């Protein structure tokens, strides 16, 4: 299981192959982004959490913080 606080802070991305490590509520969240990696010529996708980005367009509280 990834450190969700670090993921939410944008400190690391999670490869598509590891998507089972994310809680289900992440997949309903407006802050979950998918980006194609440019490191290799294969299809590699990574999940990012944009919650901590300063230029976000919404103030929606993410599902992982609604019960906090």
N, C-alpha and C. Protein backbone atom coordinates (compact mmCIF):
# COMPACT_ATOMS: atom_id res chain seq x y z
N UNK A 1 0.84 -1.18 0.00
CA UNK A 1 0.00 0.00 0.00
C UNK A 1 0.89 1.24 0.00
N UNK A 2 0.64 2.15 -0.91
CA UNK A 2 1.45 3.37 -0.95
C UNK A 2 1.11 4.29 0.22
N UNK A 3 2.00 5.19 0.51
CA UNK A 3 1.75 6.21 1.52
C UNK A 3 0.80 7.22 0.88
N UNK A 4 -0.47 7.17 1.25
CA UNK A 4 -1.48 8.01 0.60
C UNK A 4 -1.26 9.49 0.85
N UNK A 5 -0.69 9.85 1.98
CA UNK A 5 -0.40 11.26 2.25
C UNK A 5 0.65 11.77 1.27
N UNK A 6 1.67 10.97 1.02
CA UNK A 6 2.72 11.36 0.07
C UNK A 6 2.17 11.37 -1.35
N UNK A 7 1.31 10.42 -1.69
CA UNK A 7 0.68 10.39 -3.01
C UNK A 7 -0.18 11.63 -3.21
N UNK A 8 -1.00 11.96 -2.19
CA UNK A 8 -1.87 13.14 -2.26
C UNK A 8 -1.06 14.42 -2.36
N UNK A 9 0.11 14.44 -1.75
CA UNK A 9 0.98 15.62 -1.80
C UNK A 9 1.72 15.74 -3.12
N UNK A 10 1.56 14.77 -4.00
CA UNK A 10 2.20 14.82 -5.30
C UNK A 10 3.67 14.44 -5.27
N UNK A 11 4.10 13.75 -4.22
CA UNK A 11 5.50 13.39 -4.07
C UNK A 11 5.91 12.18 -4.92
N UNK A 12 4.95 11.38 -5.36
CA UNK A 12 5.27 10.27 -6.24
C UNK A 12 4.04 9.88 -7.04
N UNK A 13 4.29 9.15 -8.13
CA UNK A 13 3.21 8.63 -8.96
C UNK A 13 3.16 7.12 -8.78
N UNK A 14 2.09 6.54 -9.22
CA UNK A 14 1.92 5.11 -9.11
C UNK A 14 1.74 4.53 -10.51
N UNK A 15 2.52 3.52 -10.89
CA UNK A 15 2.35 2.94 -12.22
C UNK A 15 0.99 2.27 -12.37
N UNK A 16 0.52 2.24 -13.59
CA UNK A 16 -0.78 1.65 -13.89
C UNK A 16 -0.86 0.20 -13.39
N UNK A 17 0.22 -0.53 -13.50
CA UNK A 17 0.24 -1.93 -13.08
C UNK A 17 -0.01 -2.08 -11.59
N UNK A 18 0.19 -1.03 -10.82
CA UNK A 18 0.00 -1.07 -9.37
C UNK A 18 -1.32 -0.43 -8.94
N UNK A 19 -2.24 -0.24 -9.88
CA UNK A 19 -3.48 0.47 -9.57
C UNK A 19 -4.29 -0.21 -8.46
N UNK A 20 -4.10 -1.50 -8.24
CA UNK A 20 -4.83 -2.19 -7.18
C UNK A 20 -4.41 -1.72 -5.79
N UNK A 21 -3.31 -1.01 -5.70
CA UNK A 21 -2.83 -0.50 -4.41
C UNK A 21 -3.56 0.78 -3.98
N UNK A 22 -4.26 1.42 -4.92
CA UNK A 22 -5.00 2.63 -4.58
C UNK A 22 -6.36 2.27 -4.00
N UNK A 23 -6.83 3.02 -3.02
CA UNK A 23 -8.18 2.77 -2.49
C UNK A 23 -9.23 3.04 -3.57
N UNK A 24 -10.35 2.35 -3.53
CA UNK A 24 -11.39 2.52 -4.55
C UNK A 24 -11.87 3.96 -4.71
N UNK A 25 -11.89 4.73 -3.60
CA UNK A 25 -12.38 6.11 -3.71
C UNK A 25 -11.51 6.98 -4.60
N UNK A 26 -10.27 6.61 -4.81
CA UNK A 26 -9.39 7.38 -5.70
C UNK A 26 -9.94 7.42 -7.13
N UNK A 27 -10.61 6.34 -7.53
CA UNK A 27 -11.10 6.24 -8.90
C UNK A 27 -12.38 7.04 -9.13
N UNK A 28 -12.93 7.64 -8.07
CA UNK A 28 -14.07 8.54 -8.22
C UNK A 28 -13.66 9.99 -7.95
N UNK A 29 -12.39 10.20 -7.73
CA UNK A 29 -11.88 11.51 -7.33
C UNK A 29 -11.53 12.38 -8.55
N UNK A 30 -11.87 13.66 -8.47
CA UNK A 30 -11.57 14.59 -9.55
C UNK A 30 -10.08 14.91 -9.65
N UNK A 31 -9.32 14.59 -8.62
CA UNK A 31 -7.89 14.91 -8.61
C UNK A 31 -7.00 13.80 -9.17
N UNK A 32 -7.56 12.63 -9.43
CA UNK A 32 -6.76 11.53 -9.96
C UNK A 32 -6.51 11.76 -11.44
N UNK A 33 -5.26 11.83 -11.81
CA UNK A 33 -4.86 12.05 -13.20
C UNK A 33 -4.06 10.86 -13.70
N UNK A 34 -4.16 10.61 -14.99
CA UNK A 34 -3.38 9.55 -15.63
C UNK A 34 -2.53 10.21 -16.70
N UNK A 35 -1.25 9.87 -16.70
CA UNK A 35 -0.33 10.44 -17.68
C UNK A 35 0.48 9.32 -18.30
N UNK A 36 0.70 9.41 -19.60
CA UNK A 36 1.52 8.42 -20.28
C UNK A 36 2.99 8.77 -20.07
N UNK A 37 3.76 7.78 -19.68
CA UNK A 37 5.20 7.99 -19.47
C UNK A 37 5.92 8.17 -20.78
N UNK A 38 6.97 8.97 -20.77
CA UNK A 38 7.74 9.22 -21.99
C UNK A 38 9.14 8.63 -21.91
N UNK A 39 9.38 7.79 -20.91
CA UNK A 39 10.72 7.25 -20.70
C UNK A 39 11.05 6.17 -21.71
N UNK A 40 10.08 5.35 -22.06
CA UNK A 40 10.34 4.27 -23.00
C UNK A 40 9.32 4.32 -24.12
N UNK A 41 9.51 3.46 -25.11
CA UNK A 41 8.60 3.43 -26.25
C UNK A 41 7.41 2.51 -26.01
N UNK A 42 7.36 1.90 -24.84
CA UNK A 42 6.21 1.06 -24.51
C UNK A 42 5.09 1.92 -23.95
N UNK A 43 3.92 1.34 -23.88
CA UNK A 43 2.81 2.07 -23.28
C UNK A 43 2.91 1.96 -21.77
N UNK A 44 3.26 3.02 -21.12
CA UNK A 44 3.33 3.02 -19.66
C UNK A 44 2.55 4.21 -19.14
N UNK A 45 1.64 3.95 -18.22
CA UNK A 45 0.78 4.98 -17.68
C UNK A 45 1.01 5.09 -16.17
N UNK A 46 0.87 6.30 -15.67
CA UNK A 46 1.09 6.55 -14.24
C UNK A 46 -0.07 7.35 -13.69
N UNK A 47 -0.44 7.05 -12.46
CA UNK A 47 -1.47 7.80 -11.75
C UNK A 47 -0.81 8.88 -10.92
N UNK A 48 -1.42 10.06 -10.92
CA UNK A 48 -0.96 11.19 -10.12
C UNK A 48 -2.16 11.75 -9.36
N UNK A 49 -1.88 12.29 -8.21
CA UNK A 49 -2.91 13.01 -7.47
C UNK A 49 -2.60 14.49 -7.59
N UNK A 50 -3.56 15.25 -8.10
CA UNK A 50 -3.36 16.69 -8.32
C UNK A 50 -3.93 17.54 -7.19
N UNK A 51 -4.26 16.92 -6.07
CA UNK A 51 -4.87 17.66 -4.96
C UNK A 51 -3.99 18.80 -4.46
N UNK A 52 -2.70 18.60 -4.40
CA UNK A 52 -1.81 19.63 -3.83
C UNK A 52 -1.33 20.64 -4.86
N UNK A 53 -1.73 20.50 -6.11
CA UNK A 53 -1.27 21.43 -7.14
C UNK A 53 -1.88 22.80 -6.90
N UNK A 54 -1.08 23.85 -6.96
CA UNK A 54 -1.59 25.19 -6.65
C UNK A 54 -2.54 25.74 -7.71
N UNK A 55 -2.47 25.24 -8.93
CA UNK A 55 -3.29 25.79 -10.01
C UNK A 55 -4.53 24.96 -10.30
N UNK A 56 -4.98 24.15 -9.33
CA UNK A 56 -6.17 23.34 -9.56
C UNK A 56 -7.39 24.23 -9.75
N UNK A 57 -8.34 23.73 -10.51
CA UNK A 57 -9.50 24.53 -10.88
C UNK A 57 -10.71 24.33 -9.98
N UNK A 58 -10.59 23.48 -9.00
CA UNK A 58 -11.72 23.18 -8.13
C UNK A 58 -11.27 23.17 -6.67
N UNK A 59 -12.19 23.37 -5.79
CA UNK A 59 -11.93 23.31 -4.35
C UNK A 59 -12.66 22.11 -3.74
N UNK A 60 -13.03 21.15 -4.58
CA UNK A 60 -13.72 19.96 -4.13
C UNK A 60 -12.88 19.20 -3.12
N UNK A 61 -13.49 18.80 -2.03
CA UNK A 61 -12.79 17.99 -1.04
C UNK A 61 -12.71 16.56 -1.59
N UNK A 62 -11.51 15.98 -1.63
CA UNK A 62 -11.38 14.63 -2.17
C UNK A 62 -12.04 13.60 -1.25
N UNK A 63 -12.48 12.48 -1.80
CA UNK A 63 -13.14 11.46 -0.98
C UNK A 63 -12.28 10.97 0.19
N UNK A 64 -10.96 10.95 0.01
CA UNK A 64 -10.09 10.45 1.08
C UNK A 64 -10.02 11.41 2.26
N UNK A 65 -10.47 12.65 2.12
CA UNK A 65 -10.44 13.62 3.22
C UNK A 65 -11.83 13.98 3.74
N UNK A 66 -12.88 13.46 3.14
CA UNK A 66 -14.24 13.84 3.54
C UNK A 66 -14.60 13.38 4.94
N UNK A 67 -14.02 12.28 5.41
CA UNK A 67 -14.33 11.80 6.75
C UNK A 67 -13.38 12.34 7.80
N UNK A 68 -12.39 13.14 7.38
CA UNK A 68 -11.39 13.66 8.32
C UNK A 68 -11.95 14.81 9.13
